[in-house]
PDB file of N, CA and C in Angstrom:
ATOM      1  N   UNK A   1       0.841  -1.176   0.000  1.00  0.00           N
ATOM      2  CA  UNK A   1       0.000   0.000   0.000  1.00  0.00           C
ATOM      3  C   UNK A   1       0.887   1.239   0.000  1.00  0.00           C
ATOM      4  N   UNK A   2       0.628   2.120  -0.910  1.00  0.00           N
ATOM      5  CA  UNK A   2       1.320   3.400  -0.963  1.00  0.00           C
ATOM      6  C   UNK A   2       0.411   4.436  -0.305  1.00  0.00           C
ATOM      7  N   UNK A   3       0.943   5.173   0.671  1.00  0.00           N
ATOM      8  CA  UNK A   3       0.135   6.171   1.377  1.00  0.00           C
ATOM      9  C   UNK A   3       0.753   7.547   1.149  1.00  0.00           C
ATOM     10  N   UNK A   4       0.286   8.279   0.123  1.00  0.00           N
ATOM     11  CA  UNK A   4       0.792   9.637  -0.084  1.00  0.00           C
ATOM     12  C   UNK A   4       0.170  10.597   0.934  1.00  0.00           C
ATOM     13  N   UNK A   5       0.753  11.772   1.044  1.00  0.00           N
ATOM     14  CA  UNK A   5       0.238  12.779   1.985  1.00  0.00           C
ATOM     15  C   UNK A   5      -1.247  13.056   1.783  1.00  0.00           C
ATOM     16  N   UNK A   6      -1.701  13.004   0.535  1.00  0.00           N
ATOM     17  CA  UNK A   6      -3.096  13.326   0.232  1.00  0.00           C
ATOM     18  C   UNK A   6      -4.085  12.356   0.889  1.00  0.00           C
ATOM     19  N   UNK A   7      -3.615  11.156   1.231  1.00  0.00           N
ATOM     20  CA  UNK A   7      -4.495  10.169   1.878  1.00  0.00           C
ATOM     21  C   UNK A   7      -4.583  10.369   3.391  1.00  0.00           C
ATOM     22  N   UNK A   8      -3.677  11.177   3.954  1.00  0.00           N
ATOM     23  CA  UNK A   8      -3.587  11.325   5.406  1.00  0.00           C
ATOM     24  C   UNK A   8      -4.372  12.544   5.865  1.00  0.00           C
ATOM     25  N   UNK A   9      -5.312  12.290   6.780  1.00  0.00           N
ATOM     26  CA  UNK A   9      -6.095  13.368   7.375  1.00  0.00           C
ATOM     27  C   UNK A   9      -5.358  13.969   8.569  1.00  0.00           C
ATOM     28  N   UNK A  10      -4.686  13.097   9.350  1.00  0.00           N
ATOM     29  CA  UNK A  10      -4.055  13.562  10.586  1.00  0.00           C
ATOM     30  C   UNK A  10      -3.016  12.545  11.035  1.00  0.00           C
ATOM     31  N   UNK A  11      -1.948  13.039  11.664  1.00  0.00           N
ATOM     32  CA  UNK A  11      -0.944  12.197  12.306  1.00  0.00           C
ATOM     33  C   UNK A  11      -0.879  12.626  13.767  1.00  0.00           C
ATOM     34  N   UNK A  12      -0.984  11.670  14.667  1.00  0.00           N
ATOM     35  CA  UNK A  12      -0.950  11.964  16.102  1.00  0.00           C
ATOM     36  C   UNK A  12       0.157  11.131  16.740  1.00  0.00           C
ATOM     37  N   UNK A  13       1.105  11.802  17.396  1.00  0.00           N
ATOM     38  CA  UNK A  13       2.129  11.119  18.187  1.00  0.00           C
ATOM     39  C   UNK A  13       1.809  11.392  19.649  1.00  0.00           C
ATOM     40  N   UNK A  14       1.696  10.334  20.428  1.00  0.00           N
ATOM     41  CA  UNK A  14       1.355  10.512  21.835  1.00  0.00           C
ATOM     42  C   UNK A  14       1.767   9.288  22.634  1.00  0.00           C
ATOM     43  N   UNK A  15       1.876   9.490  23.924  1.00  0.00           N
ATOM     44  CA  UNK A  15       2.030   8.376  24.850  1.00  0.00           C
ATOM     45  C   UNK A  15       0.636   8.124  25.417  1.00  0.00           C
ATOM     46  N   UNK A  16       0.007   7.015  25.018  1.00  0.00           N
ATOM     47  CA  UNK A  16      -1.349   6.753  25.503  1.00  0.00           C
ATOM     48  C   UNK A  16      -1.381   6.584  27.028  1.00  0.00           C
ATOM     49  N   UNK A  17      -2.490   6.930  27.601  1.00  0.00           N
ATOM     50  CA  UNK A  17      -2.663   6.799  29.040  1.00  0.00           C
ATOM     51  C   UNK A  17      -2.384   5.363  29.460  1.00  0.00           C
ATOM     52  N   UNK A  18      -1.576   5.217  30.495  1.00  0.00           N
ATOM     53  CA  UNK A  18      -1.236   3.889  30.999  1.00  0.00           C
ATOM     54  C   UNK A  18      -0.057   3.241  30.294  1.00  0.00           C
ATOM     55  N   UNK A  19       0.549   3.938  29.326  1.00  0.00           N
ATOM     56  CA  UNK A  19       1.700   3.407  28.586  1.00  0.00           C
ATOM     57  C   UNK A  19       2.927   4.280  28.833  1.00  0.00           C
ATOM     58  N   UNK A  20       4.092   3.760  28.449  1.00  0.00           N
ATOM     59  CA  UNK A  20       5.343   4.504  28.620  1.00  0.00           C
ATOM     60  C   UNK A  20       5.966   4.913  27.293  1.00  0.00           C
ATOM     61  N   UNK A  21       5.519   4.314  26.202  1.00  0.00           N
ATOM     62  CA  UNK A  21       6.154   4.552  24.913  1.00  0.00           C
ATOM     63  C   UNK A  21       5.202   5.254  23.944  1.00  0.00           C
ATOM     64  N   UNK A  22       5.807   5.997  23.008  1.00  0.00           N
ATOM     65  CA  UNK A  22       5.037   6.710  21.991  1.00  0.00           C
ATOM     66  C   UNK A  22       4.286   5.763  21.062  1.00  0.00           C
ATOM     67  N   UNK A  23       3.178   6.230  20.590  1.00  0.00           N
ATOM     68  CA  UNK A  23       2.450   5.589  19.496  1.00  0.00           C
ATOM     69  C   UNK A  23       2.272   6.656  18.427  1.00  0.00           C
ATOM     70  N   UNK A  24       2.327   6.233  17.187  1.00  0.00           N
ATOM     71  CA  UNK A  24       2.081   7.134  16.065  1.00  0.00           C
ATOM     72  C   UNK A  24       0.850   6.634  15.340  1.00  0.00           C
ATOM     73  N   UNK A  25      -0.171   7.480  15.286  1.00  0.00           N
ATOM     74  CA  UNK A  25      -1.427   7.121  14.606  1.00  0.00           C
ATOM     75  C   UNK A  25      -1.546   7.917  13.325  1.00  0.00           C
ATOM     76  N   UNK A  26      -1.753   7.214  12.227  1.00  0.00           N
ATOM     77  CA  UNK A  26      -2.069   7.846  10.956  1.00  0.00           C
ATOM     78  C   UNK A  26      -3.551   7.643  10.718  1.00  0.00           C
ATOM     79  N   UNK A  27      -4.274   8.741  10.641  1.00  0.00           N
ATOM     80  CA  UNK A  27      -5.703   8.695  10.367  1.00  0.00           C
ATOM     81  C   UNK A  27      -5.898   9.065   8.907  1.00  0.00           C
ATOM     82  N   UNK A  28      -6.443   8.134   8.137  1.00  0.00           N
ATOM     83  CA  UNK A  28      -6.612   8.356   6.709  1.00  0.00           C
ATOM     84  C   UNK A  28      -7.995   8.936   6.413  1.00  0.00           C
ATOM     85  N   UNK A  29      -8.122   9.595   5.278  1.00  0.00           N
ATOM     86  CA  UNK A  29      -9.396  10.204   4.885  1.00  0.00           C
ATOM     87  C   UNK A  29     -10.515   9.174   4.734  1.00  0.00           C
ATOM     88  N   UNK A  30     -10.163   7.932   4.393  1.00  0.00           N
ATOM     89  CA  UNK A  30     -11.195   6.903   4.215  1.00  0.00           C
ATOM     90  C   UNK A  30     -11.630   6.277   5.534  1.00  0.00           C
ATOM     91  N   UNK A  31     -11.104   6.778   6.667  1.00  0.00           N
ATOM     92  CA  UNK A  31     -11.495   6.275   7.976  1.00  0.00           C
ATOM     93  C   UNK A  31     -10.553   5.235   8.553  1.00  0.00           C
ATOM     94  N   UNK A  32      -9.660   4.722   7.720  1.00  0.00           N
ATOM     95  CA  UNK A  32      -8.704   3.733   8.222  1.00  0.00           C
ATOM     96  C   UNK A  32      -7.719   4.405   9.167  1.00  0.00           C
ATOM     97  N   UNK A  33      -7.284   3.651  10.172  1.00  0.00           N
ATOM     98  CA  UNK A  33      -6.352   4.158  11.169  1.00  0.00           C
ATOM     99  C   UNK A  33      -5.204   3.167  11.287  1.00  0.00           C
ATOM    100  N   UNK A  34      -3.972   3.665  11.153  1.00  0.00           N
ATOM    101  CA  UNK A  34      -2.781   2.841  11.298  1.00  0.00           C
ATOM    102  C   UNK A  34      -2.049   3.301  12.550  1.00  0.00           C
ATOM    103  N   UNK A  35      -1.704   2.360  13.420  1.00  0.00           N
ATOM    104  CA  UNK A  35      -1.014   2.700  14.664  1.00  0.00           C
ATOM    105  C   UNK A  35       0.333   1.986  14.671  1.00  0.00           C
ATOM    106  N   UNK A  36       1.398   2.771  14.868  1.00  0.00           N
ATOM    107  CA  UNK A  36       2.752   2.230  14.908  1.00  0.00           C
ATOM    108  C   UNK A  36       3.330   2.406  16.305  1.00  0.00           C
ATOM    109  N   UNK A  37       3.995   1.385  16.791  1.00  0.00           N
ATOM    110  CA  UNK A  37       4.665   1.487  18.079  1.00  0.00           C
ATOM    111  C   UNK A  37       5.951   2.279  17.934  1.00  0.00           C
ATOM    112  N   UNK A  38       6.445   2.792  19.054  1.00  0.00           N
ATOM    113  CA  UNK A  38       7.639   3.634  19.054  1.00  0.00           C
ATOM    114  C   UNK A  38       8.836   2.929  18.419  1.00  0.00           C
ATOM    115  N   UNK A  39       9.036   1.666  18.719  1.00  0.00           N
ATOM    116  CA  UNK A  39      10.191   0.939  18.182  1.00  0.00           C
ATOM    117  C   UNK A  39      10.144   0.870  16.659  1.00  0.00           C
ATOM    118  N   UNK A  40       8.972   0.710  16.090  1.00  0.00           N
ATOM    119  CA  UNK A  40       8.835   0.644  14.635  1.00  0.00           C
ATOM    120  C   UNK A  40       9.222   1.967  13.998  1.00  0.00           C
ATOM    121  N   UNK A  41       8.698   3.060  14.522  1.00  0.00           N
ATOM    122  CA  UNK A  41       9.016   4.388  13.976  1.00  0.00           C
ATOM    123  C   UNK A  41      10.493   4.697  14.178  1.00  0.00           C
ATOM    124  N   UNK A  42      11.060   4.342  15.329  1.00  0.00           N
ATOM    125  CA  UNK A  42      12.477   4.594  15.591  1.00  0.00           C
ATOM    126  C   UNK A  42      13.354   3.867  14.578  1.00  0.00           C
ATOM    127  N   UNK A  43      13.008   2.632  14.250  1.00  0.00           N
ATOM    128  CA  UNK A  43      13.777   1.883  13.252  1.00  0.00           C
ATOM    129  C   UNK A  43      13.666   2.518  11.875  1.00  0.00           C
ATOM    130  N   UNK A  44      12.471   2.938  11.505  1.00  0.00           N
ATOM    131  CA  UNK A  44      12.272   3.583  10.208  1.00  0.00           C
ATOM    132  C   UNK A  44      13.064   4.891  10.142  1.00  0.00           C
ATOM    133  N   UNK A  45      13.032   5.671  11.204  1.00  0.00           N
ATOM    134  CA  UNK A  45      13.748   6.954  11.230  1.00  0.00           C
ATOM    135  C   UNK A  45      15.253   6.731  11.125  1.00  0.00           C
ATOM    136  N   UNK A  46      15.787   5.763  11.858  1.00  0.00           N
ATOM    137  CA  UNK A  46      17.221   5.485  11.781  1.00  0.00           C
ATOM    138  C   UNK A  46      17.624   5.069  10.364  1.00  0.00           C
ATOM    139  N   UNK A  47      16.834   4.201   9.754  1.00  0.00           N
ATOM    140  CA  UNK A  47      17.130   3.754   8.389  1.00  0.00           C
ATOM    141  C   UNK A  47      17.035   4.929   7.412  1.00  0.00           C
ATOM    142  N   UNK A  48      16.015   5.747   7.555  1.00  0.00           N
ATOM    143  CA  UNK A  48      15.821   6.916   6.687  1.00  0.00           C
ATOM    144  C   UNK A  48      17.024   7.860   6.779  1.00  0.00           C
ATOM    145  N   UNK A  49      17.437   8.179   7.990  1.00  0.00           N
ATOM    146  CA  UNK A  49      18.568   9.101   8.183  1.00  0.00           C
ATOM    147  C   UNK A  49      19.846   8.515   7.591  1.00  0.00           C
ATOM    148  N   UNK A  50      20.046   7.220   7.760  1.00  0.00           N
ATOM    149  CA  UNK A  50      21.243   6.588   7.210  1.00  0.00           C
ATOM    150  C   UNK A  50      21.281   6.713   5.693  1.00  0.00           C
ATOM    151  N   UNK A  51      20.185   6.409   5.031  1.00  0.00           N
ATOM    152  CA  UNK A  51      20.156   6.478   3.572  1.00  0.00           C
ATOM    153  C   UNK A  51      20.284   7.929   3.097  1.00  0.00           C
ATOM    154  N   UNK A  52      19.597   8.860   3.756  1.00  0.00           N
ATOM    155  CA  UNK A  52      19.630  10.263   3.324  1.00  0.00           C
ATOM    156  C   UNK A  52      20.996  10.910   3.530  1.00  0.00           C
ATOM    157  N   UNK A  53      21.760  10.468   4.531  1.00  0.00           N
ATOM    158  CA  UNK A  53      23.018  11.140   4.850  1.00  0.00           C
ATOM    159  C   UNK A  53      24.253  10.391   4.368  1.00  0.00           C
ATOM    160  N   UNK A  54      24.107   9.143   3.964  1.00  0.00           N
ATOM    161  CA  UNK A  54      25.263   8.363   3.517  1.00  0.00           C
ATOM    162  C   UNK A  54      25.618   8.757   2.084  1.00  0.00           C
ATOM    163  N   UNK A  55      26.896   8.948   1.797  1.00  0.00           N
ATOM    164  CA  UNK A  55      27.279   9.411   0.461  1.00  0.00           C
ATOM    165  C   UNK A  55      27.026   8.392  -0.666  1.00  0.00           C
ATOM    166  N   UNK A  56      26.952   7.098  -0.341  1.00  0.00           N
ATOM    167  CA  UNK A  56      26.776   6.091  -1.389  1.00  0.00           C
ATOM    168  C   UNK A  56      25.605   5.146  -1.156  1.00  0.00           C
ATOM    169  N   UNK A  57      25.193   5.001   0.036  1.00  0.00           N
ATOM    170  CA  UNK A  57      24.163   4.019   0.355  1.00  0.00           C
ATOM    171  C   UNK A  57      22.794   4.494  -0.132  1.00  0.00           C
ATOM    172  N   UNK A  58      22.068   3.612  -0.812  1.00  0.00           N
ATOM    173  CA  UNK A  58      20.751   3.976  -1.332  1.00  0.00           C
ATOM    174  C   UNK A  58      19.644   3.061  -0.821  1.00  0.00           C
ATOM    175  N   UNK A  59      20.004   2.016  -0.090  1.00  0.00           N
ATOM    176  CA  UNK A  59      19.011   1.049   0.372  1.00  0.00           C
ATOM    177  C   UNK A  59      19.379   0.514   1.746  1.00  0.00           C
ATOM    178  N   UNK A  60      18.370   0.329   2.566  1.00  0.00           N
ATOM    179  CA  UNK A  60      18.498  -0.433   3.821  1.00  0.00           C
ATOM    180  C   UNK A  60      17.276  -1.326   3.894  1.00  0.00           C
ATOM    181  N   UNK A  61      17.487  -2.569   4.230  1.00  0.00           N
ATOM    182  CA  UNK A  61      16.377  -3.503   4.427  1.00  0.00           C
ATOM    183  C   UNK A  61      16.380  -3.928   5.896  1.00  0.00           C
ATOM    184  N   UNK A  62      15.261  -3.703   6.552  1.00  0.00           N
ATOM    185  CA  UNK A  62      15.082  -4.162   7.930  1.00  0.00           C
ATOM    186  C   UNK A  62      14.176  -5.385   7.895  1.00  0.00           C
ATOM    187  N   UNK A  63      14.592  -6.434   8.558  1.00  0.00           N
ATOM    188  CA  UNK A  63      13.780  -7.657   8.601  1.00  0.00           C
ATOM    189  C   UNK A  63      13.465  -7.990  10.048  1.00  0.00           C
ATOM    190  N   UNK A  64      12.234  -8.430  10.243  1.00  0.00           N
ATOM    191  CA  UNK A  64      11.810  -8.819  11.579  1.00  0.00           C
ATOM    192  C   UNK A  64      12.430 -10.146  11.970  1.00  0.00           C
ATOM    193  N   UNK A  65      12.961 -10.161  13.178  1.00  0.00           N
ATOM    194  CA  UNK A  65      13.567 -11.385  13.703  1.00  0.00           C
ATOM    195  C   UNK A  65      13.164 -11.566  15.162  1.00  0.00           C
ATOM    196  N   UNK A  66      12.899 -12.807  15.505  1.00  0.00           N
ATOM    197  CA  UNK A  66      12.618 -13.151  16.893  1.00  0.00           C
ATOM    198  C   UNK A  66      13.929 -13.607  17.522  1.00  0.00           C
ATOM    199  N   UNK A  67      14.441 -12.833  18.443  1.00  0.00           N
ATOM    200  CA  UNK A  67      15.729 -13.132  19.068  1.00  0.00           C
ATOM    201  C   UNK A  67      15.523 -14.025  20.278  1.00  0.00           C
ATOM    202  N   UNK A  68      16.317 -15.062  20.368  1.00  0.00           N
ATOM    203  CA  UNK A  68      16.211 -15.985  21.499  1.00  0.00           C
ATOM    204  C   UNK A  68      16.663 -15.317  22.790  1.00  0.00           C
ATOM    205  N   UNK A  69      17.806 -14.640  22.733  1.00  0.00           N
ATOM    206  CA  UNK A  69      18.339 -13.973  23.918  1.00  0.00           C
ATOM    207  C   UNK A  69      18.450 -12.489  23.610  1.00  0.00           C
ATOM    208  N   UNK A  70      17.810 -11.703  24.439  1.00  0.00           N
ATOM    209  CA  UNK A  70      17.784 -10.269  24.204  1.00  0.00           C
ATOM    210  C   UNK A  70      18.130  -9.542  25.492  1.00  0.00           C
ATOM    211  N   UNK A  71      18.461  -8.275  25.384  1.00  0.00           N
ATOM    212  CA  UNK A  71      18.752  -7.463  26.558  1.00  0.00           C
ATOM    213  C   UNK A  71      17.483  -7.304  27.389  1.00  0.00           C
ATOM    214  N   UNK A  72      17.618  -7.253  28.699  1.00  0.00           N
ATOM    215  CA  UNK A  72      16.444  -7.020  29.539  1.00  0.00           C
ATOM    216  C   UNK A  72      15.766  -5.700  29.180  1.00  0.00           C
ATOM    217  N   UNK A  73      14.456  -5.702  29.107  1.00  0.00           N
ATOM    218  CA  UNK A  73      13.698  -4.506  28.784  1.00  0.00           C
ATOM    219  C   UNK A  73      13.454  -4.316  27.300  1.00  0.00           C
ATOM    220  N   UNK A  74      14.049  -5.165  26.464  1.00  0.00           N
ATOM    221  CA  UNK A  74      13.855  -5.080  25.020  1.00  0.00           C
ATOM    222  C   UNK A  74      12.946  -6.212  24.568  1.00  0.00           C
ATOM    223  N   UNK A  75      12.158  -5.937  23.552  1.00  0.00           N
ATOM    224  CA  UNK A  75      11.250  -6.944  23.020  1.00  0.00           C
ATOM    225  C   UNK A  75      12.055  -8.047  22.326  1.00  0.00           C
ATOM    226  N   UNK A  76      11.500  -9.258  22.327  1.00  0.00           N
ATOM    227  CA  UNK A  76      12.152 -10.380  21.651  1.00  0.00           C
ATOM    228  C   UNK A  76      12.134 -10.206  20.130  1.00  0.00           C
ATOM    229  N   UNK A  77      11.100  -9.566  19.594  1.00  0.00           N
ATOM    230  CA  UNK A  77      10.980  -9.378  18.152  1.00  0.00           C
ATOM    231  C   UNK A  77      11.557  -8.025  17.784  1.00  0.00           C
ATOM    232  N   UNK A  78      12.545  -8.024  16.903  1.00  0.00           N
ATOM    233  CA  UNK A  78      13.240  -6.792  16.528  1.00  0.00           C
ATOM    234  C   UNK A  78      13.311  -6.659  15.014  1.00  0.00           C
ATOM    235  N   UNK A  79      13.323  -5.431  14.530  1.00  0.00           N
ATOM    236  CA  UNK A  79      13.608  -5.139  13.122  1.00  0.00           C
ATOM    237  C   UNK A  79      15.098  -4.883  13.019  1.00  0.00           C
ATOM    238  N   UNK A  80      15.798  -5.758  12.315  1.00  0.00           N
ATOM    239  CA  UNK A  80      17.251  -5.662  12.224  1.00  0.00           C
ATOM    240  C   UNK A  80      17.675  -5.511  10.761  1.00  0.00           C
ATOM    241  N   UNK A  81      18.763  -4.780  10.577  1.00  0.00           N
ATOM    242  CA  UNK A  81      19.294  -4.555   9.236  1.00  0.00           C
ATOM    243  C   UNK A  81      19.876  -5.855   8.691  1.00  0.00           C
ATOM    244  N   UNK A  82      19.593  -6.119   7.411  1.00  0.00           N
ATOM    245  CA  UNK A  82      20.192  -7.280   6.734  1.00  0.00           C
ATOM    246  C   UNK A  82      21.643  -7.018   6.474  1.00  0.00           C
TER     247      UNK A  82
END
């Protein structure tokens, strides 16, 4: 799905009541609502900045992986660079 700016009615970044991490909500004109967790947006932003600022790099692929052993406080499922 391609979501151009014209499809977006509103973007809301907030820490929902009872939570500790940001959520990003994209509210589309057709009524659909997409909610992204903070970790997802953080990974996208890091990848975006890397591609935009690197003199030669034009692509980054992040793949979801379930890690057997992870740092305390981190989710087992992570988006990691290939």
